[in-house]
């Protein structure tokens, strides 16, 4: 299930998306953000411990980790898992500076047979 509205837009192959991910909770500010954001993107990053929203982490392949039984959000990956760390760091840096957590990013859509998405194009 996708409650974010993102996947339906990707199914329609829209060229640009405005994705609003609102939350009842903020980022985990006690997470090791300085270490995570000042190293190479391949370092171990735990988006669940960092407090990234379920409706965001599932789009980057972490859906099974935030779902009891692994089914509710497990099939929602549409972006490369390695791109989440950079996006999360942008959000953290903005929040730390007292600015609105609004970011612009471009990503290649991954093939997702569950949702019938063809991969390869950028949004």
C-alpha atoms as a PDB file:
ATOM      1  CA  UNK A   1       0.000   0.000   0.000  1.00  0.00           C
ATOM      2  CA  UNK A   2       1.239   3.491  -0.820  1.00  0.00           C
ATOM      3  CA  UNK A   3      -0.373   6.256   1.199  1.00  0.00           C
ATOM      4  CA  UNK A   4       2.049   8.934  -0.030  1.00  0.00           C
ATOM      5  CA  UNK A   5       0.567   9.340  -3.503  1.00  0.00           C
ATOM      6  CA  UNK A   6       4.021   9.071  -5.066  1.00  0.00           C
ATOM      7  CA  UNK A   7       3.703   5.694  -6.748  1.00  0.00           C
ATOM      8  CA  UNK A   8       0.517   6.589  -8.656  1.00  0.00           C
ATOM      9  CA  UNK A   9       2.349   9.601 -10.073  1.00  0.00           C
ATOM     10  CA  UNK A  10       5.263   7.402 -11.122  1.00  0.00           C
ATOM     11  CA  UNK A  11       2.849   4.929 -12.718  1.00  0.00           C
ATOM     12  CA  UNK A  12       1.520   7.791 -14.837  1.00  0.00           C
ATOM     13  CA  UNK A  13       5.116   8.630 -15.779  1.00  0.00           C
ATOM     14  CA  UNK A  14       4.858  12.278 -14.843  1.00  0.00           C
ATOM     15  CA  UNK A  15       8.128  14.143 -15.502  1.00  0.00           C
ATOM     16  CA  UNK A  16       8.133  16.058 -12.195  1.00  0.00           C
ATOM     17  CA  UNK A  17       6.666  15.308  -8.785  1.00  0.00           C
ATOM     18  CA  UNK A  18       5.921  17.408  -5.735  1.00  0.00           C
ATOM     19  CA  UNK A  19       6.001  15.002  -2.831  1.00  0.00           C
ATOM     20  CA  UNK A  20       4.891  16.281   0.560  1.00  0.00           C
ATOM     21  CA  UNK A  21       5.848  13.939   3.382  1.00  0.00           C
ATOM     22  CA  UNK A  22       4.238  15.304   6.519  1.00  0.00           C
ATOM     23  CA  UNK A  23       4.807  13.671   9.883  1.00  0.00           C
ATOM     24  CA  UNK A  24       3.645  13.310  13.430  1.00  0.00           C
ATOM     25  CA  UNK A  25       7.300  13.015  14.486  1.00  0.00           C
ATOM     26  CA  UNK A  26      10.565  14.734  13.701  1.00  0.00           C
ATOM     27  CA  UNK A  27      13.963  13.339  12.872  1.00  0.00           C
ATOM     28  CA  UNK A  28      15.841  11.675  15.697  1.00  0.00           C
ATOM     29  CA  UNK A  29      18.192  14.523  16.565  1.00  0.00           C
ATOM     30  CA  UNK A  30      20.249  12.263  18.858  1.00  0.00           C
ATOM     31  CA  UNK A  31      21.179  10.080  15.861  1.00  0.00           C
ATOM     32  CA  UNK A  32      24.831  10.324  14.772  1.00  0.00           C
ATOM     33  CA  UNK A  33      23.994  12.817  12.020  1.00  0.00           C
ATOM     34  CA  UNK A  34      27.411  14.516  11.999  1.00  0.00           C
ATOM     35  CA  UNK A  35      29.107  11.192  11.324  1.00  0.00           C
ATOM     36  CA  UNK A  36      26.491  10.069   8.814  1.00  0.00           C
ATOM     37  CA  UNK A  37      26.565  13.311   6.840  1.00  0.00           C
ATOM     38  CA  UNK A  38      30.320  13.902   6.826  1.00  0.00           C
ATOM     39  CA  UNK A  39      31.393  10.597   5.351  1.00  0.00           C
ATOM     40  CA  UNK A  40      31.099   8.740   2.079  1.00  0.00           C
ATOM     41  CA  UNK A  41      27.533   7.732   1.139  1.00  0.00           C
ATOM     42  CA  UNK A  42      28.457   4.045   1.412  1.00  0.00           C
ATOM     43  CA  UNK A  43      28.859   4.218   5.206  1.00  0.00           C
ATOM     44  CA  UNK A  44      26.325   2.268   7.245  1.00  0.00           C
ATOM     45  CA  UNK A  45      23.227   4.413   7.571  1.00  0.00           C
ATOM     46  CA  UNK A  46      20.178   3.404   9.587  1.00  0.00           C
ATOM     47  CA  UNK A  47      17.204   5.458   8.390  1.00  0.00           C
ATOM     48  CA  UNK A  48      14.918   3.812  10.928  1.00  0.00           C
ATOM     49  CA  UNK A  49      17.128   4.868  13.864  1.00  0.00           C
ATOM     50  CA  UNK A  50      17.522   8.301  12.227  1.00  0.00           C
ATOM     51  CA  UNK A  51      13.755   8.786  12.372  1.00  0.00           C
ATOM     52  CA  UNK A  52      13.039   9.010   8.653  1.00  0.00           C
ATOM     53  CA  UNK A  53       9.316   8.593   7.939  1.00  0.00           C
ATOM     54  CA  UNK A  54       7.936   5.198   6.987  1.00  0.00           C
ATOM     55  CA  UNK A  55       6.344   6.658   3.839  1.00  0.00           C
ATOM     56  CA  UNK A  56       9.812   7.836   2.761  1.00  0.00           C
ATOM     57  CA  UNK A  57      12.036   4.903   3.751  1.00  0.00           C
ATOM     58  CA  UNK A  58       9.799   2.417   1.955  1.00  0.00           C
ATOM     59  CA  UNK A  59      10.385   4.232  -1.354  1.00  0.00           C
ATOM     60  CA  UNK A  60      14.103   3.571  -0.909  1.00  0.00           C
ATOM     61  CA  UNK A  61      13.793  -0.147  -0.145  1.00  0.00           C
ATOM     62  CA  UNK A  62      13.372  -0.173   3.631  1.00  0.00           C
ATOM     63  CA  UNK A  63       9.663  -1.026   3.658  1.00  0.00           C
ATOM     64  CA  UNK A  64      10.032  -4.469   5.196  1.00  0.00           C
ATOM     65  CA  UNK A  65      11.992  -2.987   8.107  1.00  0.00           C
ATOM     66  CA  UNK A  66       9.108  -0.699   9.117  1.00  0.00           C
ATOM     67  CA  UNK A  67       6.252  -3.152   8.631  1.00  0.00           C
ATOM     68  CA  UNK A  68       5.101  -5.908  10.922  1.00  0.00           C
ATOM     69  CA  UNK A  69       5.400  -9.073   8.891  1.00  0.00           C
ATOM     70  CA  UNK A  70       7.174  -7.178   6.114  1.00  0.00           C
ATOM     71  CA  UNK A  71       4.222  -6.892   3.743  1.00  0.00           C
ATOM     72  CA  UNK A  72       2.453  -3.556   4.173  1.00  0.00           C
ATOM     73  CA  UNK A  73       5.235  -1.357   2.749  1.00  0.00           C
ATOM     74  CA  UNK A  74       7.637  -4.035   1.529  1.00  0.00           C
ATOM     75  CA  UNK A  75       6.885  -3.625  -2.183  1.00  0.00           C
ATOM     76  CA  UNK A  76       7.216   0.147  -2.469  1.00  0.00           C
ATOM     77  CA  UNK A  77      10.851   0.640  -3.492  1.00  0.00           C
ATOM     78  CA  UNK A  78      11.064   3.070  -6.401  1.00  0.00           C
ATOM     79  CA  UNK A  79      14.452   4.749  -5.766  1.00  0.00           C
ATOM     80  CA  UNK A  80      17.976   3.441  -5.166  1.00  0.00           C
ATOM     81  CA  UNK A  81      18.579   2.575  -1.506  1.00  0.00           C
ATOM     82  CA  UNK A  82      21.918   4.410  -1.479  1.00  0.00           C
ATOM     83  CA  UNK A  83      20.266   7.753  -2.320  1.00  0.00           C
ATOM     84  CA  UNK A  84      18.347   7.979   0.956  1.00  0.00           C
ATOM     85  CA  UNK A  85      21.352   8.932   3.066  1.00  0.00           C
ATOM     86  CA  UNK A  86      22.085  12.052   1.016  1.00  0.00           C
ATOM     87  CA  UNK A  87      18.424  13.085   1.047  1.00  0.00           C
ATOM     88  CA  UNK A  88      18.179  12.518   4.805  1.00  0.00           C
ATOM     89  CA  UNK A  89      21.304  14.586   5.415  1.00  0.00           C
ATOM     90  CA  UNK A  90      19.854  17.475   3.414  1.00  0.00           C
ATOM     91  CA  UNK A  91      16.707  17.356   5.553  1.00  0.00           C
ATOM     92  CA  UNK A  92      18.735  17.184   8.779  1.00  0.00           C
ATOM     93  CA  UNK A  93      21.003  20.092   7.816  1.00  0.00           C
ATOM     94  CA  UNK A  94      18.010  22.288   6.992  1.00  0.00           C
ATOM     95  CA  UNK A  95      16.255  21.408  10.236  1.00  0.00           C
ATOM     96  CA  UNK A  96      19.429  21.941  12.254  1.00  0.00           C
ATOM     97  CA  UNK A  97      19.748  25.420  10.722  1.00  0.00           C
ATOM     98  CA  UNK A  98      16.146  26.224  11.676  1.00  0.00           C
ATOM     99  CA  UNK A  99      15.018  26.286   8.053  1.00  0.00           C
ATOM    100  CA  UNK A 100      12.077  24.494   6.439  1.00  0.00           C
ATOM    101  CA  UNK A 101      12.948  20.919   5.520  1.00  0.00           C
ATOM    102  CA  UNK A 102      12.208  21.246   1.823  1.00  0.00           C
ATOM    103  CA  UNK A 103      14.583  19.623  -0.643  1.00  0.00           C
ATOM    104  CA  UNK A 104      14.800  19.195  -4.381  1.00  0.00           C
ATOM    105  CA  UNK A 105      16.208  15.949  -5.683  1.00  0.00           C
ATOM    106  CA  UNK A 106      16.371  14.070  -8.949  1.00  0.00           C
ATOM    107  CA  UNK A 107      16.421  10.300  -8.953  1.00  0.00           C
ATOM    108  CA  UNK A 108      16.236   7.436 -11.384  1.00  0.00           C
ATOM    109  CA  UNK A 109      13.069   5.387 -10.989  1.00  0.00           C
ATOM    110  CA  UNK A 110      13.774   1.726 -10.264  1.00  0.00           C
ATOM    111  CA  UNK A 111      11.836  -1.072 -11.903  1.00  0.00           C
ATOM    112  CA  UNK A 112       9.074  -2.274  -9.597  1.00  0.00           C
ATOM    113  CA  UNK A 113       7.043  -5.164 -10.988  1.00  0.00           C
ATOM    114  CA  UNK A 114       4.647  -5.142  -8.001  1.00  0.00           C
ATOM    115  CA  UNK A 115       3.442  -1.668  -9.037  1.00  0.00           C
ATOM    116  CA  UNK A 116       4.115  -2.066 -12.768  1.00  0.00           C
ATOM    117  CA  UNK A 117       6.820   0.598 -12.906  1.00  0.00           C
ATOM    118  CA  UNK A 118       9.364   0.665 -15.672  1.00  0.00           C
ATOM    119  CA  UNK A 119      12.728   1.773 -14.399  1.00  0.00           C
ATOM    120  CA  UNK A 120      15.319   3.981 -16.016  1.00  0.00           C
ATOM    121  CA  UNK A 121      13.678   7.380 -16.290  1.00  0.00           C
ATOM    122  CA  UNK A 122      14.414  10.291 -13.988  1.00  0.00           C
ATOM    123  CA  UNK A 123      12.000  12.339 -11.905  1.00  0.00           C
END
